[in-house]
Structure formats: C-alpha cells, structure tokens
C-alpha cells in the first residue's frame, strides 16, 4: 500500500456514526442548493447519497456511505459550519434542519413509513437492473418523495434559478436528493441522534468531526 492510499477507518463510536449520518443529511442539503443554483453536483457526493438510499438493507453501517468518510466530505464540511468553525450558508442550514423535521414527522406516520419502505424496495430492484444513478431510478426516488414526504403540510421550498429548476429531470434530481436526506436523517435517529443534542452537545459533534477529518 502506498503512503497516499486512503485508509478505511470504521466509525467505532456512536458519536462518529451519528456525525456521518448527519453529514449525509447536510450533504443532501448542500447538493439541493447546488443543483438549484447551478444545475450541477459533485459526482462523488451525489453517487454516495443515491447509493445509500437505494439499498434499504445494507450489510453494515459503513456500506451505506461506501466505507470511507471522504464520500461524505461535503456533508462533513457543512457540519463544520453548523458547529461554528466556518461561516454557515443559511439556505443549506434551513434545508438540513427541515429534513430533520420532516424525518420526525415521517417516523410518527407508520402508514407512510410502510409505504415508503415498499417503494424503496421496488427502487432497489430498479437500481440493480439499470444502475444506481440511472434516470429511471432518480425519477422513481423523486416520485417516492413527492407521493410521501411532500404530502406533509411542512414542505421544503427550494430556492434557485427558476429556469434551471424547470429543466428536464431537475425536479426529479432535487427530490431524489431530498429523499436521500430523509434516508440519512432516519439513520441518524437510529444511531441515537436527536435535534436537542445539536443544541446542547456541540462539543461532542466537534470531537467526532475531528476524529473523521
């Protein structure tokens, strides 16, 4: 192994797992903002989110994000803003916290959880046939979001270039990204993450981010 070869480090602590799952949420928030403003996204960040969403039953926690924290680097860097080490983008922060709120509403709606689980199982089959980021898969993820999460009274209003947001596949890509944010938000809650901890336990998040840097 060469000195520059990335070394896989499994997140051994609950705090690290929570930080990685939360990074997925805010990576999705960041990519939604980028899509809406530029129409483009960084491929590695995008593929990690979509791959983690189309496989609802991974073999391990690490499999969800491809096994290396740098696959969630965009989200981890965004969390640095959350803990005050960099200037925060208020739009991205709004998207991220809205995803956490919507996840809480979803968890309290058992019927919707079941429906979404069925849809994701179907989409997993599509992904195995076409490939994780094929436009058919992205369209199905966007449709799943629209038919479930978008029915809540609380909605995420995406700001950006109106002409870009109306281009072919852009609404589906944005919704697929939001669906990925919900997926990682559920994972974050499963790993013990809670919104009140973001307010009162920021030092623990900072330490986890240091360990993953």
N, C-alpha and C. Protein backbone atom coordinates (compact mmCIF):
# COMPACT_ATOMS: atom_id res chain seq x y z
N UNK A 1 0.85 -1.20 0.00
CA UNK A 1 0.00 0.00 0.00
C UNK A 1 0.88 1.24 0.00
N UNK A 2 0.61 2.18 -0.89
CA UNK A 2 1.41 3.38 -0.97
C UNK A 2 1.01 4.34 0.14
N UNK A 3 1.90 5.30 0.49
CA UNK A 3 1.57 6.25 1.56
C UNK A 3 0.34 7.09 1.26
N UNK A 4 -0.02 7.23 -0.02
CA UNK A 4 -1.17 8.08 -0.36
C UNK A 4 -2.47 7.31 -0.47
N UNK A 5 -2.41 5.98 -0.31
CA UNK A 5 -3.63 5.19 -0.41
C UNK A 5 -4.54 5.48 0.78
N UNK A 6 -5.83 5.84 0.53
CA UNK A 6 -6.75 6.11 1.63
C UNK A 6 -6.91 4.89 2.53
N UNK A 7 -6.90 5.11 3.80
CA UNK A 7 -7.07 4.03 4.77
C UNK A 7 -8.49 4.09 5.31
N UNK A 8 -9.18 2.97 5.20
CA UNK A 8 -10.54 2.90 5.71
C UNK A 8 -10.50 2.85 7.23
N UNK A 9 -11.26 3.75 7.85
CA UNK A 9 -11.37 3.75 9.30
C UNK A 9 -12.84 3.64 9.66
N UNK A 10 -13.25 2.50 10.18
CA UNK A 10 -14.66 2.31 10.53
C UNK A 10 -15.02 3.19 11.71
N UNK A 11 -16.20 3.80 11.70
CA UNK A 11 -16.63 4.62 12.84
C UNK A 11 -16.98 3.74 14.02
N UNK A 12 -16.11 3.71 15.01
CA UNK A 12 -16.27 2.77 16.12
C UNK A 12 -17.13 3.33 17.24
N UNK A 13 -17.35 4.63 17.27
CA UNK A 13 -18.10 5.23 18.36
C UNK A 13 -19.48 5.68 17.90
N UNK A 14 -20.44 5.70 18.82
CA UNK A 14 -21.77 6.21 18.46
C UNK A 14 -21.71 7.64 17.93
N UNK A 15 -20.84 8.47 18.51
CA UNK A 15 -20.74 9.86 18.09
C UNK A 15 -20.27 9.96 16.64
N UNK A 16 -19.32 9.09 16.26
CA UNK A 16 -18.82 9.10 14.88
C UNK A 16 -19.91 8.65 13.92
N UNK A 17 -20.66 7.62 14.29
CA UNK A 17 -21.73 7.15 13.42
C UNK A 17 -22.82 8.22 13.27
N UNK A 18 -23.14 8.88 14.37
CA UNK A 18 -24.12 9.96 14.31
C UNK A 18 -23.62 11.09 13.40
N UNK A 19 -22.35 11.43 13.53
CA UNK A 19 -21.78 12.52 12.71
C UNK A 19 -21.82 12.16 11.24
N UNK A 20 -21.52 10.92 10.90
CA UNK A 20 -21.53 10.50 9.50
C UNK A 20 -22.95 10.49 8.93
N UNK A 21 -23.89 10.00 9.72
CA UNK A 21 -25.28 10.00 9.25
C UNK A 21 -25.78 11.43 9.08
N UNK A 22 -25.46 12.29 10.03
CA UNK A 22 -25.87 13.70 9.94
C UNK A 22 -25.18 14.38 8.76
N UNK A 23 -23.95 13.98 8.49
CA UNK A 23 -23.25 14.52 7.32
C UNK A 23 -24.01 14.17 6.05
N UNK A 24 -24.61 12.97 5.99
CA UNK A 24 -25.42 12.61 4.84
C UNK A 24 -26.60 13.55 4.66
N UNK A 25 -27.23 13.93 5.77
CA UNK A 25 -28.36 14.87 5.72
C UNK A 25 -27.92 16.20 5.13
N UNK A 26 -26.82 16.73 5.67
CA UNK A 26 -26.39 18.06 5.24
C UNK A 26 -25.65 18.02 3.90
N UNK A 27 -25.15 16.85 3.52
CA UNK A 27 -24.64 16.71 2.15
C UNK A 27 -25.79 16.82 1.16
N UNK A 28 -26.90 16.18 1.49
CA UNK A 28 -28.08 16.29 0.64
C UNK A 28 -28.55 17.74 0.58
N UNK A 29 -28.58 18.42 1.72
CA UNK A 29 -29.00 19.82 1.74
C UNK A 29 -28.10 20.69 0.87
N UNK A 30 -26.80 20.43 0.95
CA UNK A 30 -25.84 21.20 0.17
C UNK A 30 -26.00 20.94 -1.33
N UNK A 31 -26.24 19.69 -1.69
CA UNK A 31 -26.40 19.36 -3.11
C UNK A 31 -27.71 19.90 -3.67
N UNK A 32 -28.76 19.93 -2.87
CA UNK A 32 -30.02 20.53 -3.32
C UNK A 32 -29.77 22.00 -3.66
N UNK A 33 -29.05 22.69 -2.79
CA UNK A 33 -28.74 24.10 -3.04
C UNK A 33 -27.91 24.26 -4.31
N UNK A 34 -26.92 23.39 -4.48
CA UNK A 34 -26.06 23.48 -5.66
C UNK A 34 -26.83 23.18 -6.95
N UNK A 35 -27.66 22.15 -6.90
CA UNK A 35 -28.49 21.82 -8.07
C UNK A 35 -29.39 22.99 -8.46
N UNK A 36 -30.02 23.59 -7.45
CA UNK A 36 -30.97 24.65 -7.72
C UNK A 36 -30.30 25.91 -8.27
N UNK A 37 -29.05 26.13 -7.90
CA UNK A 37 -28.35 27.34 -8.34
C UNK A 37 -27.56 27.14 -9.62
N UNK A 38 -26.97 25.93 -9.81
CA UNK A 38 -26.04 25.72 -10.92
C UNK A 38 -26.47 24.61 -11.87
N UNK A 39 -27.35 23.73 -11.42
CA UNK A 39 -27.75 22.60 -12.25
C UNK A 39 -26.76 21.45 -12.22
N UNK A 40 -25.69 21.58 -11.44
CA UNK A 40 -24.63 20.56 -11.40
C UNK A 40 -24.39 20.12 -9.97
N UNK A 41 -23.80 18.93 -9.81
CA UNK A 41 -23.39 18.46 -8.49
C UNK A 41 -22.06 17.73 -8.62
N UNK A 42 -21.35 17.64 -7.51
CA UNK A 42 -20.09 16.90 -7.48
C UNK A 42 -20.43 15.42 -7.52
N UNK A 43 -19.94 14.67 -8.53
CA UNK A 43 -20.40 13.29 -8.75
C UNK A 43 -20.22 12.37 -7.55
N UNK A 44 -19.09 12.43 -6.88
CA UNK A 44 -18.86 11.50 -5.76
C UNK A 44 -19.87 11.74 -4.64
N UNK A 45 -20.13 13.00 -4.34
CA UNK A 45 -21.08 13.32 -3.27
C UNK A 45 -22.49 12.86 -3.65
N UNK A 46 -22.85 13.07 -4.90
CA UNK A 46 -24.17 12.67 -5.42
C UNK A 46 -24.33 11.16 -5.41
N UNK A 47 -23.36 10.45 -5.96
CA UNK A 47 -23.45 8.99 -6.06
C UNK A 47 -23.51 8.34 -4.69
N UNK A 48 -22.76 8.88 -3.73
CA UNK A 48 -22.79 8.32 -2.37
C UNK A 48 -24.18 8.41 -1.77
N UNK A 49 -24.84 9.55 -1.94
CA UNK A 49 -26.18 9.72 -1.39
C UNK A 49 -27.19 8.78 -2.05
N UNK A 50 -27.13 8.71 -3.37
CA UNK A 50 -28.11 7.88 -4.08
C UNK A 50 -27.88 6.40 -3.78
N UNK A 51 -26.63 5.96 -3.79
CA UNK A 51 -26.32 4.56 -3.50
C UNK A 51 -26.75 4.18 -2.08
N UNK A 52 -26.60 5.12 -1.15
CA UNK A 52 -27.01 4.85 0.23
C UNK A 52 -28.52 4.81 0.40
N UNK A 53 -29.24 5.37 -0.56
CA UNK A 53 -30.70 5.44 -0.46
C UNK A 53 -31.38 4.26 -1.14
N UNK A 54 -30.81 3.79 -2.24
CA UNK A 54 -31.47 2.71 -3.00
C UNK A 54 -31.23 1.34 -2.38
N UNK A 55 -30.37 1.25 -1.38
CA UNK A 55 -30.16 -0.02 -0.67
C UNK A 55 -30.70 0.12 0.74
N UNK A 56 -31.96 -0.25 0.98
CA UNK A 56 -32.56 -0.04 2.30
C UNK A 56 -32.06 -1.01 3.37
N UNK A 57 -31.38 -2.07 2.97
CA UNK A 57 -30.92 -3.07 3.94
C UNK A 57 -29.45 -3.41 3.72
N UNK A 58 -28.55 -2.46 3.98
CA UNK A 58 -27.11 -2.73 3.78
C UNK A 58 -26.58 -3.73 4.80
N UNK A 59 -25.47 -4.36 4.46
CA UNK A 59 -24.87 -5.35 5.35
C UNK A 59 -24.26 -4.71 6.59
N UNK A 60 -23.81 -3.47 6.48
CA UNK A 60 -23.18 -2.80 7.61
C UNK A 60 -23.42 -1.30 7.52
N UNK A 61 -23.14 -0.61 8.60
CA UNK A 61 -23.27 0.84 8.62
C UNK A 61 -22.36 1.46 7.55
N UNK A 62 -21.14 0.95 7.46
CA UNK A 62 -20.17 1.52 6.52
C UNK A 62 -20.62 1.38 5.07
N UNK A 63 -21.37 0.33 4.76
CA UNK A 63 -21.83 0.12 3.38
C UNK A 63 -22.76 1.22 2.91
N UNK A 64 -23.42 1.89 3.84
CA UNK A 64 -24.38 2.92 3.46
C UNK A 64 -23.70 4.07 2.74
N UNK A 65 -22.48 4.40 3.16
CA UNK A 65 -21.80 5.54 2.54
C UNK A 65 -20.54 5.13 1.77
N UNK A 66 -20.42 3.86 1.48
CA UNK A 66 -19.31 3.40 0.66
C UNK A 66 -18.03 3.13 1.41
N UNK A 67 -18.07 3.14 2.73
CA UNK A 67 -16.93 2.68 3.52
C UNK A 67 -15.86 3.68 3.85
N UNK A 68 -15.88 4.87 3.27
CA UNK A 68 -14.85 5.85 3.59
C UNK A 68 -15.49 7.20 3.90
N UNK A 69 -15.12 7.83 5.01
CA UNK A 69 -15.73 9.11 5.39
C UNK A 69 -15.64 10.19 4.31
N UNK A 70 -14.62 10.13 3.47
CA UNK A 70 -14.48 11.17 2.45
C UNK A 70 -15.61 11.14 1.43
N UNK A 71 -16.33 10.03 1.34
CA UNK A 71 -17.50 10.01 0.48
C UNK A 71 -18.58 10.97 0.98
N UNK A 72 -18.49 11.32 2.26
CA UNK A 72 -19.42 12.27 2.86
C UNK A 72 -18.70 13.57 3.23
N UNK A 73 -17.58 13.83 2.56
CA UNK A 73 -16.78 15.01 2.90
C UNK A 73 -17.58 16.30 2.75
N UNK A 74 -18.39 16.38 1.71
CA UNK A 74 -19.20 17.59 1.51
C UNK A 74 -20.09 17.83 2.73
N UNK A 75 -20.70 16.77 3.22
CA UNK A 75 -21.55 16.90 4.39
C UNK A 75 -20.77 17.19 5.66
N UNK A 76 -19.62 16.54 5.81
CA UNK A 76 -18.80 16.79 6.99
C UNK A 76 -18.32 18.24 7.02
N UNK A 77 -17.95 18.76 5.86
CA UNK A 77 -17.53 20.17 5.79
C UNK A 77 -18.69 21.10 6.13
N UNK A 78 -19.90 20.71 5.72
CA UNK A 78 -21.07 21.51 6.04
C UNK A 78 -21.34 21.50 7.54
N UNK A 79 -21.09 20.36 8.18
CA UNK A 79 -21.26 20.29 9.64
C UNK A 79 -20.27 21.19 10.36
N UNK A 80 -19.11 21.41 9.76
CA UNK A 80 -18.14 22.34 10.35
C UNK A 80 -18.78 23.73 10.47
N UNK A 81 -19.61 24.07 9.52
CA UNK A 81 -20.34 25.33 9.60
C UNK A 81 -21.34 25.31 10.75
N UNK A 82 -21.99 24.15 10.90
CA UNK A 82 -23.01 24.02 11.94
C UNK A 82 -22.42 24.23 13.33
N UNK A 83 -21.20 23.76 13.55
CA UNK A 83 -20.58 23.92 14.87
C UNK A 83 -19.80 25.22 14.98
N UNK A 84 -19.91 26.07 13.96
CA UNK A 84 -19.37 27.41 14.07
C UNK A 84 -17.94 27.61 13.66
N UNK A 85 -17.34 26.63 12.98
CA UNK A 85 -15.94 26.78 12.60
C UNK A 85 -15.78 27.51 11.26
N UNK A 86 -16.86 27.57 10.50
CA UNK A 86 -16.85 28.30 9.24
C UNK A 86 -18.17 29.06 9.13
N UNK A 87 -18.22 29.98 8.20
CA UNK A 87 -19.46 30.73 8.01
C UNK A 87 -20.52 29.84 7.37
N UNK A 88 -21.67 29.78 7.98
CA UNK A 88 -22.73 28.89 7.52
C UNK A 88 -23.50 29.50 6.36
N UNK A 89 -23.92 28.63 5.44
CA UNK A 89 -24.84 29.03 4.37
C UNK A 89 -26.25 28.87 4.92
N UNK A 90 -26.97 29.96 5.13
CA UNK A 90 -28.29 29.85 5.78
C UNK A 90 -29.29 29.01 5.00
N UNK A 91 -29.19 29.01 3.68
CA UNK A 91 -30.11 28.21 2.87
C UNK A 91 -29.86 26.72 3.10
N UNK A 92 -28.59 26.31 3.09
CA UNK A 92 -28.25 24.91 3.33
C UNK A 92 -28.66 24.50 4.73
N UNK A 93 -28.43 25.37 5.72
CA UNK A 93 -28.82 25.05 7.08
C UNK A 93 -30.34 24.86 7.17
N UNK A 94 -31.08 25.73 6.48
CA UNK A 94 -32.55 25.60 6.50
C UNK A 94 -32.99 24.28 5.90
N UNK A 95 -32.41 23.91 4.76
CA UNK A 95 -32.75 22.63 4.15
C UNK A 95 -32.43 21.48 5.10
N UNK A 96 -31.26 21.51 5.71
CA UNK A 96 -30.84 20.41 6.57
C UNK A 96 -31.76 20.23 7.77
N UNK A 97 -32.06 21.33 8.46
CA UNK A 97 -32.93 21.21 9.63
C UNK A 97 -34.37 20.88 9.23
N UNK A 98 -34.79 21.32 8.06
CA UNK A 98 -36.12 20.95 7.57
C UNK A 98 -36.19 19.44 7.31
N UNK A 99 -35.12 18.87 6.78
CA UNK A 99 -35.08 17.42 6.55
C UNK A 99 -35.20 16.67 7.88
N UNK A 100 -34.55 17.15 8.92
CA UNK A 100 -34.65 16.50 10.23
C UNK A 100 -36.08 16.60 10.77
N UNK A 101 -36.71 17.74 10.55
CA UNK A 101 -38.10 17.91 11.00
C UNK A 101 -39.03 16.97 10.24
N UNK A 102 -38.85 16.89 8.93
CA UNK A 102 -39.69 16.00 8.13
C UNK A 102 -39.47 14.54 8.49
N UNK A 103 -38.23 14.19 8.81
CA UNK A 103 -37.95 12.82 9.25
C UNK A 103 -38.75 12.50 10.52
N UNK A 104 -38.83 13.46 11.45
CA UNK A 104 -39.59 13.23 12.68
C UNK A 104 -41.07 13.01 12.38
N UNK A 105 -41.60 13.78 11.45
CA UNK A 105 -43.00 13.61 11.06
C UNK A 105 -43.21 12.25 10.40
N UNK A 106 -42.26 11.85 9.58
CA UNK A 106 -42.36 10.55 8.92
C UNK A 106 -42.36 9.42 9.94
N UNK A 107 -41.49 9.49 10.93
CA UNK A 107 -41.39 8.43 11.94
C UNK A 107 -42.69 8.27 12.72
N UNK A 108 -43.45 9.36 12.81
CA UNK A 108 -44.71 9.31 13.55
C UNK A 108 -45.89 8.89 12.68
N UNK A 109 -45.61 8.56 11.43
CA UNK A 109 -46.67 8.15 10.50
C UNK A 109 -46.33 6.74 10.00
N UNK A 110 -46.83 5.76 10.71
CA UNK A 110 -46.47 4.37 10.42
C UNK A 110 -46.90 3.94 9.01
N UNK A 111 -48.07 4.38 8.59
CA UNK A 111 -48.53 4.00 7.26
C UNK A 111 -47.60 4.54 6.18
N UNK A 112 -47.19 5.79 6.34
CA UNK A 112 -46.29 6.37 5.36
C UNK A 112 -44.92 5.68 5.39
N UNK A 113 -44.46 5.33 6.58
CA UNK A 113 -43.19 4.61 6.69
C UNK A 113 -43.27 3.30 5.93
N UNK A 114 -44.37 2.58 6.09
CA UNK A 114 -44.55 1.30 5.40
C UNK A 114 -44.60 1.51 3.88
N UNK A 115 -45.34 2.52 3.46
CA UNK A 115 -45.45 2.81 2.03
C UNK A 115 -44.09 3.16 1.44
N UNK A 116 -43.35 3.98 2.15
CA UNK A 116 -42.03 4.38 1.66
C UNK A 116 -41.09 3.19 1.61
N UNK A 117 -41.17 2.32 2.59
CA UNK A 117 -40.34 1.12 2.58
C UNK A 117 -40.62 0.25 1.36
N UNK A 118 -41.89 0.11 1.03
CA UNK A 118 -42.26 -0.67 -0.15
C UNK A 118 -41.74 -0.03 -1.43
N UNK A 119 -41.85 1.29 -1.52
CA UNK A 119 -41.36 1.99 -2.69
C UNK A 119 -39.85 1.84 -2.84
N UNK A 120 -39.12 1.95 -1.74
CA UNK A 120 -37.66 1.83 -1.80
C UNK A 120 -37.23 0.42 -2.17
N UNK A 121 -37.99 -0.58 -1.72
CA UNK A 121 -37.68 -1.95 -2.12
C UNK A 121 -37.84 -2.13 -3.63
N UNK A 122 -38.88 -1.53 -4.18
CA UNK A 122 -39.09 -1.57 -5.63
C UNK A 122 -37.96 -0.84 -6.36
N UNK A 123 -37.57 0.32 -5.82
CA UNK A 123 -36.50 1.11 -6.44
C UNK A 123 -35.17 0.37 -6.37
N UNK A 124 -34.96 -0.39 -5.31
CA UNK A 124 -33.73 -1.19 -5.22
C UNK A 124 -33.64 -2.17 -6.39
N UNK A 125 -34.77 -2.76 -6.74
CA UNK A 125 -34.78 -3.66 -7.89
C UNK A 125 -34.47 -2.93 -9.18
N UNK A 126 -35.00 -1.73 -9.32
CA UNK A 126 -34.68 -0.90 -10.49
C UNK A 126 -33.19 -0.61 -10.55
N UNK A 127 -32.61 -0.26 -9.40
CA UNK A 127 -31.19 0.09 -9.36
C UNK A 127 -30.31 -1.10 -9.73
N UNK A 128 -30.72 -2.28 -9.30
CA UNK A 128 -29.94 -3.48 -9.64
C UNK A 128 -29.98 -3.75 -11.14
N UNK A 129 -31.07 -3.34 -11.78
CA UNK A 129 -31.23 -3.57 -13.22
C UNK A 129 -30.56 -2.47 -14.06
N UNK A 130 -30.83 -1.21 -13.70
CA UNK A 130 -30.37 -0.09 -14.52
C UNK A 130 -29.06 0.53 -14.04
N UNK A 131 -28.76 0.41 -12.73
CA UNK A 131 -27.65 1.14 -12.13
C UNK A 131 -28.19 2.19 -11.18
N UNK A 132 -27.43 2.44 -10.10
CA UNK A 132 -27.95 3.28 -9.02
C UNK A 132 -28.38 4.68 -9.45
N UNK A 133 -27.63 5.30 -10.36
CA UNK A 133 -27.92 6.69 -10.71
C UNK A 133 -28.58 6.85 -12.07
N UNK A 134 -29.10 5.76 -12.62
CA UNK A 134 -29.84 5.84 -13.89
C UNK A 134 -31.05 6.76 -13.71
N UNK A 135 -31.42 7.46 -14.76
CA UNK A 135 -32.51 8.43 -14.63
C UNK A 135 -33.83 7.77 -14.26
N UNK A 136 -34.05 6.52 -14.60
CA UNK A 136 -35.27 5.83 -14.16
C UNK A 136 -35.31 5.70 -12.64
N UNK A 137 -34.14 5.41 -12.06
CA UNK A 137 -34.04 5.28 -10.60
C UNK A 137 -34.24 6.64 -9.95
N UNK A 138 -33.59 7.66 -10.51
CA UNK A 138 -33.73 9.02 -9.96
C UNK A 138 -35.17 9.47 -10.04
N UNK A 139 -35.83 9.18 -11.16
CA UNK A 139 -37.23 9.56 -11.31
C UNK A 139 -38.10 8.86 -10.27
N UNK A 140 -37.81 7.59 -10.00
CA UNK A 140 -38.60 6.84 -9.02
C UNK A 140 -38.37 7.37 -7.60
N UNK A 141 -37.13 7.73 -7.29
CA UNK A 141 -36.84 8.32 -5.97
C UNK A 141 -37.59 9.64 -5.82
N UNK A 142 -37.56 10.45 -6.88
CA UNK A 142 -38.27 11.72 -6.83
C UNK A 142 -39.77 11.53 -6.67
N UNK A 143 -40.30 10.54 -7.35
CA UNK A 143 -41.73 10.24 -7.24
C UNK A 143 -42.08 9.74 -5.84
N UNK A 144 -41.20 8.92 -5.27
CA UNK A 144 -41.44 8.42 -3.91
C UNK A 144 -41.49 9.57 -2.91
N UNK A 145 -40.59 10.52 -3.08
CA UNK A 145 -40.59 11.69 -2.19
C UNK A 145 -41.86 12.50 -2.37
N UNK A 146 -42.24 12.71 -3.63
CA UNK A 146 -43.41 13.54 -3.92
C UNK A 146 -44.69 12.91 -3.38
N UNK A 147 -44.79 11.58 -3.42
CA UNK A 147 -46.01 10.90 -3.00
C UNK A 147 -46.07 10.64 -1.49
N UNK A 148 -44.99 10.88 -0.80
CA UNK A 148 -44.97 10.65 0.65
C UNK A 148 -44.61 11.93 1.40
N UNK A 149 -43.34 12.26 1.45
CA UNK A 149 -42.87 13.38 2.26
C UNK A 149 -43.51 14.70 1.82
N UNK A 150 -43.70 14.88 0.52
CA UNK A 150 -44.27 16.14 0.02
C UNK A 150 -45.73 16.34 0.40
N UNK A 151 -46.38 15.31 0.94
CA UNK A 151 -47.78 15.46 1.33
C UNK A 151 -47.93 16.08 2.72
N UNK A 152 -46.84 16.22 3.46
CA UNK A 152 -46.91 16.90 4.76
C UNK A 152 -47.18 18.39 4.54
N UNK A 153 -47.84 19.01 5.50
CA UNK A 153 -48.08 20.45 5.40
C UNK A 153 -46.77 21.22 5.42
N UNK A 154 -45.82 20.72 6.20
CA UNK A 154 -44.48 21.32 6.22
C UNK A 154 -43.72 20.84 4.99
N UNK A 155 -43.27 21.77 4.18
CA UNK A 155 -42.56 21.40 2.96
C UNK A 155 -41.27 22.20 2.85
N UNK A 156 -40.34 21.66 2.08
CA UNK A 156 -39.11 22.39 1.78
C UNK A 156 -39.30 23.16 0.48
N UNK A 157 -39.21 24.45 0.56
CA UNK A 157 -39.31 25.31 -0.62
C UNK A 157 -37.88 25.57 -1.11
N UNK A 158 -37.57 25.05 -2.29
CA UNK A 158 -36.21 25.14 -2.81
C UNK A 158 -36.03 26.47 -3.56
N UNK A 159 -34.97 27.18 -3.18
CA UNK A 159 -34.63 28.45 -3.82
C UNK A 159 -33.56 28.19 -4.88
N UNK A 160 -33.64 28.91 -5.98
CA UNK A 160 -32.63 28.75 -7.01
C UNK A 160 -33.01 29.46 -8.28
N UNK A 161 -32.39 29.05 -9.36
CA UNK A 161 -32.64 29.61 -10.69
C UNK A 161 -33.91 28.96 -11.26
N UNK A 162 -35.00 29.72 -11.41
CA UNK A 162 -36.25 29.12 -11.89
C UNK A 162 -36.11 28.39 -13.23
N UNK A 163 -35.28 28.94 -14.12
CA UNK A 163 -35.11 28.29 -15.42
C UNK A 163 -34.42 26.94 -15.28
N UNK A 164 -33.47 26.83 -14.35
CA UNK A 164 -32.81 25.55 -14.12
C UNK A 164 -33.76 24.55 -13.47
N UNK A 165 -34.54 25.02 -12.53
CA UNK A 165 -35.43 24.12 -11.79
C UNK A 165 -36.53 23.53 -12.67
N UNK A 166 -36.73 24.12 -13.84
CA UNK A 166 -37.76 23.62 -14.75
C UNK A 166 -37.19 22.76 -15.88
N UNK A 167 -35.88 22.57 -15.90
CA UNK A 167 -35.28 21.77 -16.97
C UNK A 167 -35.56 20.29 -16.75
N UNK A 168 -35.38 19.53 -17.81
CA UNK A 168 -35.68 18.10 -17.78
C UNK A 168 -34.91 17.39 -16.66
N UNK A 169 -35.59 16.61 -15.88
CA UNK A 169 -35.06 15.78 -14.80
C UNK A 169 -34.60 16.57 -13.58
N UNK A 170 -34.61 17.90 -13.65
CA UNK A 170 -34.14 18.65 -12.49
C UNK A 170 -35.06 18.50 -11.28
N UNK A 171 -36.40 18.61 -11.44
CA UNK A 171 -37.24 18.38 -10.26
C UNK A 171 -37.03 17.00 -9.65
N UNK A 172 -36.86 15.99 -10.51
CA UNK A 172 -36.64 14.63 -10.01
C UNK A 172 -35.31 14.52 -9.27
N UNK A 173 -34.29 15.17 -9.79
CA UNK A 173 -32.97 15.12 -9.14
C UNK A 173 -33.01 15.81 -7.77
N UNK A 174 -33.69 16.94 -7.72
CA UNK A 174 -33.81 17.65 -6.44
C UNK A 174 -34.57 16.80 -5.43
N UNK A 175 -35.70 16.23 -5.87
CA UNK A 175 -36.48 15.41 -4.94
C UNK A 175 -35.73 14.14 -4.53
N UNK A 176 -34.98 13.55 -5.46
CA UNK A 176 -34.18 12.37 -5.12
C UNK A 176 -33.15 12.72 -4.06
N UNK A 177 -32.57 13.90 -4.17
CA UNK A 177 -31.60 14.35 -3.18
C UNK A 177 -32.26 14.56 -1.82
N UNK A 178 -33.45 15.13 -1.83
CA UNK A 178 -34.19 15.31 -0.58
C UNK A 178 -34.56 13.95 0.02
N UNK A 179 -34.90 12.98 -0.84
CA UNK A 179 -35.20 11.63 -0.36
C UNK A 179 -33.97 11.03 0.32
N UNK A 180 -32.80 11.27 -0.26
CA UNK A 180 -31.56 10.80 0.35
C UNK A 180 -31.34 11.46 1.71
N UNK A 181 -31.68 12.75 1.80
CA UNK A 181 -31.56 13.43 3.08
C UNK A 181 -32.44 12.81 4.15
N UNK A 182 -33.66 12.42 3.77
CA UNK A 182 -34.56 11.74 4.69
C UNK A 182 -33.98 10.39 5.11
N UNK A 183 -33.42 9.67 4.16
CA UNK A 183 -32.81 8.37 4.43
C UNK A 183 -31.71 8.50 5.48
N UNK A 184 -30.83 9.47 5.30
CA UNK A 184 -29.74 9.65 6.25
C UNK A 184 -30.22 10.23 7.57
N UNK A 185 -31.30 11.02 7.53
CA UNK A 185 -31.88 11.52 8.77
C UNK A 185 -32.45 10.39 9.61
N UNK A 186 -33.11 9.43 8.95
CA UNK A 186 -33.61 8.25 9.68
C UNK A 186 -32.45 7.45 10.26
N UNK A 187 -31.37 7.34 9.51
CA UNK A 187 -30.19 6.64 10.00
C UNK A 187 -29.61 7.36 11.22
N UNK A 188 -29.55 8.67 11.14
CA UNK A 188 -29.04 9.47 12.25
C UNK A 188 -29.86 9.23 13.51
N UNK A 189 -31.18 9.22 13.39
CA UNK A 189 -32.05 8.97 14.54
C UNK A 189 -31.85 7.55 15.05
N UNK A 190 -31.71 6.60 14.14
CA UNK A 190 -31.49 5.20 14.51
C UNK A 190 -30.20 5.05 15.32
N UNK A 191 -29.21 5.87 15.00
CA UNK A 191 -27.92 5.80 15.69
C UNK A 191 -27.89 6.63 16.97
N UNK A 192 -29.04 7.19 17.35
CA UNK A 192 -29.13 7.92 18.61
C UNK A 192 -29.10 9.43 18.47
N UNK A 193 -29.11 9.92 17.24
CA UNK A 193 -29.11 11.37 17.03
C UNK A 193 -30.45 12.00 17.38
N UNK A 194 -30.39 13.15 18.02
CA UNK A 194 -31.60 13.89 18.38
C UNK A 194 -31.35 15.37 18.15
N UNK A 195 -32.40 16.11 17.77
CA UNK A 195 -32.20 17.52 17.46
C UNK A 195 -31.72 18.32 18.66
N UNK A 196 -32.20 17.96 19.86
CA UNK A 196 -31.77 18.72 21.03
C UNK A 196 -30.27 18.55 21.29
N UNK A 197 -29.71 17.43 20.86
CA UNK A 197 -28.27 17.22 21.04
C UNK A 197 -27.46 18.20 20.19
N UNK A 198 -28.02 18.58 19.05
CA UNK A 198 -27.31 19.55 18.20
C UNK A 198 -27.20 20.90 18.89
N UNK A 199 -28.13 21.19 19.78
CA UNK A 199 -28.12 22.45 20.50
C UNK A 199 -27.22 22.38 21.73
N UNK A 200 -27.28 21.25 22.45
CA UNK A 200 -26.64 21.20 23.76
C UNK A 200 -25.38 20.32 23.82
N UNK A 201 -25.10 19.60 22.74
CA UNK A 201 -23.92 18.72 22.77
C UNK A 201 -23.02 18.95 21.54
N UNK A 202 -22.78 20.20 21.25
CA UNK A 202 -21.97 20.53 20.07
C UNK A 202 -20.52 20.13 20.25
N UNK A 203 -20.05 20.12 21.49
CA UNK A 203 -18.66 19.70 21.72
C UNK A 203 -18.44 18.26 21.29
N UNK A 204 -19.41 17.41 21.54
CA UNK A 204 -19.30 16.00 21.14
C UNK A 204 -19.26 15.89 19.62
N UNK A 205 -20.05 16.71 18.94
CA UNK A 205 -20.04 16.71 17.48
C UNK A 205 -18.70 17.23 16.96
N UNK A 206 -18.16 18.25 17.60
CA UNK A 206 -16.85 18.77 17.18
C UNK A 206 -15.78 17.70 17.31
N UNK A 207 -15.80 16.97 18.43
CA UNK A 207 -14.79 15.92 18.63
C UNK A 207 -14.94 14.83 17.57
N UNK A 208 -16.18 14.45 17.25
CA UNK A 208 -16.41 13.44 16.24
C UNK A 208 -15.91 13.92 14.87
N UNK A 209 -16.14 15.17 14.56
CA UNK A 209 -15.67 15.73 13.29
C UNK A 209 -14.14 15.73 13.24
N UNK A 210 -13.51 16.02 14.37
CA UNK A 210 -12.04 15.98 14.42
C UNK A 210 -11.54 14.57 14.15
N UNK A 211 -12.22 13.58 14.70
CA UNK A 211 -11.80 12.19 14.52
C UNK A 211 -11.95 11.74 13.05
N UNK A 212 -12.90 12.36 12.35
CA UNK A 212 -13.17 11.96 10.97
C UNK A 212 -12.44 12.82 9.95
N UNK A 213 -11.70 13.80 10.42
CA UNK A 213 -11.02 14.70 9.49
C UNK A 213 -9.71 14.08 8.96
